[in-house]
Amino acid sequence: MARLAVISDIHGNLVAFEEVLRDIDSARVDAVLCLGDTVGYGPESKECLALMRRACRLAIRGNHEDALIDDAQMPLWNSVARTGIAYARRTMTHDELEFVAELPGSFSIAHVAFAVHDSPVPSDAAHGYLRTAEDAAFAFRGVSEPICLVGHTHIPGCFSTTSRTDCQVVAPEEVTLFTPQDPEVGGVMMYDLSRFGRTIMNPGSVGQPRDGDPRASYAIVDLEHSLVEFRRVAYDIELAARRFRAAGLPEATFERLALGA
């Protein structure tokens, strides 16, 4: 598996997911990997889960999958997130819920890449959000592979160590942050992994981007050439919003789609 499409945070947005998979089909990849949160927020969690099962070689559980099978953490969530999970749960069969429960929390690829939904270092206090160099510096303590794949923030980018040593303790000033902005024509921006040490890479969100760009976001990791392609895919946001509205989901859930927020 030298060329890997990495997707995350689909969140029940089937319109965006289908468009991303069409783009992946044209990109000549060896496998598709999913970093979790296929469900929640959107009206088509069931359909997205079925499509993910068919399309992805490897997949993990995100915090929305955790909530789908165990609502112990739900009181801490906002009402929009709780409504999305409750809606998704009503649509799921027993077999589908069992499949979700059996998804792993992480996976590794040949000692080259490690994947987890939020952070390689669990943190109840921060809920695993890696947004700053300080967040990443702490998270690198849990990264021994050259590449760590994460989702959860809905924001694409890379945190990389400037040193190529295997030392697990990293200071914030030793972390380089790359956030793709205004991708070139075709919606692709490249990142050269070979220039750095270890890297934590986030492909952004397929179904709920939150970096100000409403287009669906995913990434392709080329292990052979040590490159990451950050890709943006336009989709029919109005159609997606109509489906959210028809399901009776909160307006805030679909109004943010056009904002990428």
Protein backbone atom coordinates (compact mmCIF):
# COMPACT_ATOMS: atom_id res chain seq x y z
CA MET A 1 0.00 0.00 0.00
CA ALA A 2 2.20 2.81 -1.26
CA ARG A 3 -0.44 5.40 -2.15
CA LEU A 4 -3.20 5.80 0.43
CA ALA A 5 -6.33 7.95 0.38
CA VAL A 6 -7.06 9.10 3.94
CA ILE A 7 -10.56 10.30 4.83
CA SER A 8 -12.13 11.34 8.12
CA ASP A 9 -15.17 12.97 9.72
CA ILE A 10 -17.78 12.14 7.08
CA HIS A 11 -20.54 12.79 9.61
CA GLY A 12 -23.53 11.46 7.73
CA ASN A 13 -23.02 13.73 4.70
CA LEU A 14 -23.55 11.24 1.88
CA VAL A 15 -23.54 13.88 -0.87
CA ALA A 16 -20.01 14.97 0.06
CA PHE A 17 -18.80 11.42 0.64
CA GLU A 18 -19.91 10.18 -2.76
CA GLU A 19 -18.19 13.11 -4.46
CA VAL A 20 -14.96 12.46 -2.57
CA LEU A 21 -15.00 8.80 -3.54
CA ARG A 22 -15.41 9.80 -7.20
CA ASP A 23 -12.32 11.98 -6.84
CA ILE A 24 -10.43 9.14 -5.15
CA ASP A 25 -11.35 6.82 -8.02
CA SER A 26 -9.59 9.18 -10.41
CA ALA A 27 -6.50 9.48 -8.20
CA ARG A 28 -5.15 5.93 -8.61
CA VAL A 29 -4.71 4.93 -4.97
CA ASP A 30 -3.91 1.52 -3.52
CA ALA A 31 -6.33 1.74 -0.59
CA VAL A 32 -8.72 4.04 1.25
CA LEU A 33 -8.35 4.51 5.01
CA CYS A 34 -10.97 6.04 7.31
CA LEU A 35 -10.05 7.77 10.57
CA GLY A 36 -13.52 7.70 12.13
CA ASP A 37 -16.61 9.82 12.73
CA THR A 38 -18.41 8.42 9.73
CA VAL A 39 -21.65 8.98 11.66
CA GLY A 40 -23.28 11.90 13.47
CA TYR A 41 -24.54 15.40 12.57
CA GLY A 42 -25.87 14.49 9.10
CA PRO A 43 -29.00 12.57 8.09
CA GLU A 44 -27.33 9.65 6.29
CA SER A 45 -25.08 8.05 8.87
CA LYS A 46 -26.47 4.62 8.00
CA GLU A 47 -25.77 5.06 4.30
CA CYS A 48 -22.32 6.54 4.92
CA LEU A 49 -21.45 3.63 7.19
CA ALA A 50 -22.45 1.12 4.50
CA LEU A 51 -20.43 2.97 1.86
CA MET A 52 -17.41 3.23 4.17
CA ARG A 53 -17.53 -0.54 4.74
CA ARG A 54 -17.38 -1.14 1.00
CA ALA A 55 -14.81 1.49 0.11
CA CYS A 56 -12.26 1.40 2.94
CA ARG A 57 -9.50 -1.13 3.51
CA LEU A 58 -9.02 -0.01 7.12
CA ALA A 59 -11.21 2.05 9.44
CA ILE A 60 -11.31 3.08 13.06
CA ARG A 61 -13.88 4.28 15.57
CA GLY A 62 -14.23 7.99 16.23
CA ASN A 63 -15.82 9.67 19.23
CA HIS A 64 -19.17 9.83 17.40
CA GLU A 65 -19.06 6.06 16.86
CA ASP A 66 -18.23 5.70 20.55
CA ALA A 67 -21.29 7.78 21.42
CA LEU A 68 -23.46 5.78 19.03
CA ILE A 69 -22.86 2.59 21.03
CA ASP A 70 -22.41 4.15 24.49
CA ASP A 71 -24.07 7.42 25.39
CA ALA A 72 -22.19 7.86 28.68
CA GLN A 73 -20.29 10.86 27.30
CA MET A 74 -23.33 12.47 25.67
CA PRO A 75 -24.30 14.79 28.57
CA LEU A 76 -21.07 16.72 27.90
CA TRP A 77 -21.95 17.36 24.25
CA ASN A 78 -23.93 20.23 22.76
CA SER A 79 -27.51 19.67 21.66
CA VAL A 80 -26.66 19.62 17.94
CA ALA A 81 -24.17 16.76 18.37
CA ARG A 82 -26.56 14.85 20.66
CA THR A 83 -29.41 15.19 18.16
CA GLY A 84 -27.25 13.83 15.34
CA ILE A 85 -26.26 10.76 17.32
CA ALA A 86 -29.83 10.10 18.47
CA TYR A 87 -31.03 10.34 14.85
CA ALA A 88 -28.28 7.99 13.63
CA ARG A 89 -29.01 5.44 16.34
CA ARG A 90 -32.68 5.28 15.33
CA THR A 91 -31.69 4.35 11.78
CA MET A 92 -29.21 1.59 12.65
CA THR A 93 -29.86 -2.15 12.79
CA HIS A 94 -28.44 -4.37 15.51
CA ASP A 95 -25.86 -5.75 13.05
CA GLU A 96 -24.74 -2.24 12.09
CA LEU A 97 -24.30 -1.24 15.71
CA GLU A 98 -22.29 -4.43 16.31
CA PHE A 99 -20.04 -3.56 13.36
CA VAL A 100 -19.42 -0.12 14.83
CA ALA A 101 -18.66 -1.60 18.25
CA GLU A 102 -16.07 -3.93 16.72
CA LEU A 103 -14.18 -1.18 14.90
CA PRO A 104 -10.67 -0.75 16.36
CA GLY A 105 -9.54 2.44 18.05
CA SER A 106 -6.35 2.57 15.98
CA PHE A 107 -4.32 0.72 13.36
CA SER A 108 -0.71 0.57 12.16
CA ILE A 109 0.76 0.07 8.70
CA ALA A 110 4.09 -1.77 8.53
CA HIS A 111 5.75 0.38 11.21
CA VAL A 112 5.48 3.35 8.83
CA ALA A 113 2.16 4.89 9.83
CA PHE A 114 -0.08 4.85 12.90
CA ALA A 115 -3.71 5.97 12.77
CA VAL A 116 -6.04 7.15 15.53
CA HIS A 117 -9.09 9.38 15.45
CA ASP A 118 -8.06 12.19 17.78
CA SER A 119 -4.60 11.94 19.36
CA PRO A 120 -1.93 9.27 19.90
CA VAL A 121 -1.84 10.41 23.55
CA PRO A 122 -5.31 10.10 25.14
CA SER A 123 -6.48 13.23 26.93
CA ASP A 124 -9.87 13.52 28.59
CA ALA A 125 -9.30 17.18 29.46
CA ALA A 126 -8.58 18.40 25.92
CA HIS A 127 -10.64 15.71 24.18
CA GLY A 128 -7.67 15.01 21.92
CA TYR A 129 -7.92 18.12 19.74
CA LEU A 130 -4.57 18.84 18.07
CA ARG A 131 -4.76 22.48 17.02
CA THR A 132 -1.50 24.10 18.10
CA ALA A 133 2.22 23.38 18.15
CA GLU A 134 1.88 22.85 21.91
CA ASP A 135 -0.86 20.24 21.37
CA ALA A 136 1.24 18.44 18.78
CA ALA A 137 4.44 18.55 20.83
CA PHE A 138 2.66 16.65 23.60
CA ALA A 139 1.03 14.23 21.11
CA PHE A 140 4.39 13.31 19.58
CA ARG A 141 5.15 11.47 22.83
CA GLY A 142 2.81 8.77 21.53
CA VAL A 143 4.28 8.63 18.01
CA SER A 144 7.12 6.25 17.15
CA GLU A 145 6.26 5.75 13.47
CA PRO A 146 7.35 8.32 10.86
CA ILE A 147 3.69 9.25 10.19
CA CYS A 148 0.70 9.53 12.49
CA LEU A 149 -2.75 9.99 10.91
CA VAL A 150 -5.45 11.81 12.90
CA GLY A 151 -8.81 13.46 12.28
CA HIS A 152 -11.24 15.01 14.79
CA THR A 153 -10.50 18.75 14.34
CA HIS A 154 -12.01 18.91 10.81
CA ILE A 155 -9.00 21.04 9.78
CA PRO A 156 -6.42 19.70 7.31
CA GLY A 157 -2.73 20.10 7.97
CA CYS A 158 0.54 18.63 9.16
CA PHE A 159 2.56 18.99 12.34
CA SER A 160 6.16 17.90 11.78
CA THR A 161 9.22 17.65 13.99
CA THR A 162 12.19 19.57 12.66
CA SER A 163 14.55 16.90 14.02
CA ARG A 164 14.90 13.47 12.44
CA THR A 165 15.92 11.80 15.69
CA ASP A 166 13.76 9.18 17.36
CA CYS A 167 13.46 11.16 20.59
CA GLN A 168 9.87 11.02 21.79
CA VAL A 169 9.97 14.32 23.73
CA VAL A 170 9.41 17.33 21.47
CA ALA A 171 9.31 21.00 22.40
CA PRO A 172 6.69 23.26 20.75
CA GLU A 173 9.43 25.29 19.05
CA GLU A 174 10.59 22.06 17.35
CA VAL A 175 7.21 21.63 15.65
CA THR A 176 6.48 22.96 12.16
CA LEU A 177 2.79 23.52 11.28
CA PHE A 178 1.59 23.32 7.68
CA THR A 179 -2.01 24.31 6.97
CA PRO A 180 -2.97 24.15 3.28
CA GLN A 181 -4.61 27.38 2.15
CA ASP A 182 -6.15 28.21 -1.24
CA PRO A 183 -5.20 24.97 -2.99
CA GLU A 184 -4.04 25.31 -6.57
CA VAL A 185 -6.25 24.71 -9.60
CA GLY A 186 -7.67 21.22 -9.25
CA GLY A 187 -7.89 21.58 -5.47
CA VAL A 188 -4.54 19.93 -4.67
CA MET A 189 -1.69 21.14 -2.44
CA MET A 190 1.47 19.12 -1.78
CA TYR A 191 3.49 18.61 1.40
CA ASP A 192 6.98 17.05 1.36
CA LEU A 193 7.39 14.68 4.30
CA SER A 194 11.04 13.99 3.52
CA ARG A 195 12.07 17.47 4.72
CA PHE A 196 11.12 16.69 8.30
CA GLY A 197 11.26 14.04 11.01
CA ARG A 198 8.01 12.58 12.29
CA THR A 199 4.69 14.00 11.06
CA ILE A 200 1.14 14.09 12.43
CA MET A 201 -1.16 14.52 9.42
CA ASN A 202 -4.86 15.48 9.48
CA PRO A 203 -6.78 15.12 6.18
CA GLY A 204 -9.57 17.46 7.30
CA SER A 205 -13.25 16.59 7.08
CA VAL A 206 -15.26 15.09 4.25
CA GLY A 207 -18.67 16.10 5.57
CA GLN A 208 -18.15 19.04 7.97
CA PRO A 209 -15.06 21.14 7.05
CA ARG A 210 -14.23 23.80 9.63
CA ASP A 211 -11.31 25.71 8.11
CA GLY A 212 -13.36 28.28 6.19
CA ASP A 213 -13.38 26.25 2.96
CA PRO A 214 -16.76 24.53 2.39
CA ARG A 215 -15.36 21.97 -0.04
CA ALA A 216 -14.91 18.41 1.20
CA SER A 217 -11.36 17.70 2.35
CA TYR A 218 -9.21 14.58 2.26
CA ALA A 219 -5.58 13.63 1.67
CA ILE A 220 -3.47 11.14 -0.24
CA VAL A 221 -0.30 9.90 1.45
CA ASP A 222 2.31 8.63 -1.00
CA LEU A 223 4.61 6.48 1.11
CA GLU A 224 6.99 5.72 -1.76
CA HIS A 225 7.68 9.39 -2.54
CA SER A 226 7.15 10.79 1.00
CA LEU A 227 4.46 13.21 -0.15
CA VAL A 228 1.04 14.26 1.10
CA GLU A 229 -1.53 15.61 -1.35
CA PHE A 230 -4.21 17.70 0.35
CA ARG A 231 -7.26 17.64 -1.91
CA ARG A 232 -10.48 19.69 -1.90
CA VAL A 233 -13.61 18.51 -3.65
CA ALA A 234 -16.62 20.68 -4.45
CA TYR A 235 -20.01 19.05 -3.91
CA ASP A 236 -23.68 20.05 -4.03
CA ILE A 237 -24.01 21.73 -0.65
CA GLU A 238 -27.58 22.86 -1.35
CA LEU A 239 -28.64 19.25 -1.97
CA ALA A 240 -26.94 18.13 1.22
CA ALA A 241 -28.63 20.94 3.19
CA ARG A 242 -32.06 19.95 1.82
CA ARG A 243 -31.50 16.40 3.07
CA PHE A 244 -30.45 17.69 6.51
CA ARG A 245 -33.57 19.87 6.64
CA ALA A 246 -35.89 17.09 5.46
CA ALA A 247 -34.62 14.89 8.30
CA GLY A 248 -35.60 17.57 10.81
CA LEU A 249 -32.04 18.10 12.02
CA PRO A 250 -31.05 21.41 13.67
CA GLU A 251 -30.51 24.28 11.25
CA ALA A 252 -27.06 24.93 12.69
CA THR A 253 -26.01 21.52 11.40
CA PHE A 254 -26.52 22.37 7.75
CA GLU A 255 -26.13 26.15 7.78
CA ARG A 256 -22.45 25.71 8.61
CA LEU A 257 -21.88 23.55 5.51
CA ALA A 258 -21.82 26.58 3.21
CA LEU A 259 -19.47 28.39 5.57
CA GLY A 260 -16.96 25.63 6.10
CA ALA A 261 -17.22 26.38 9.79
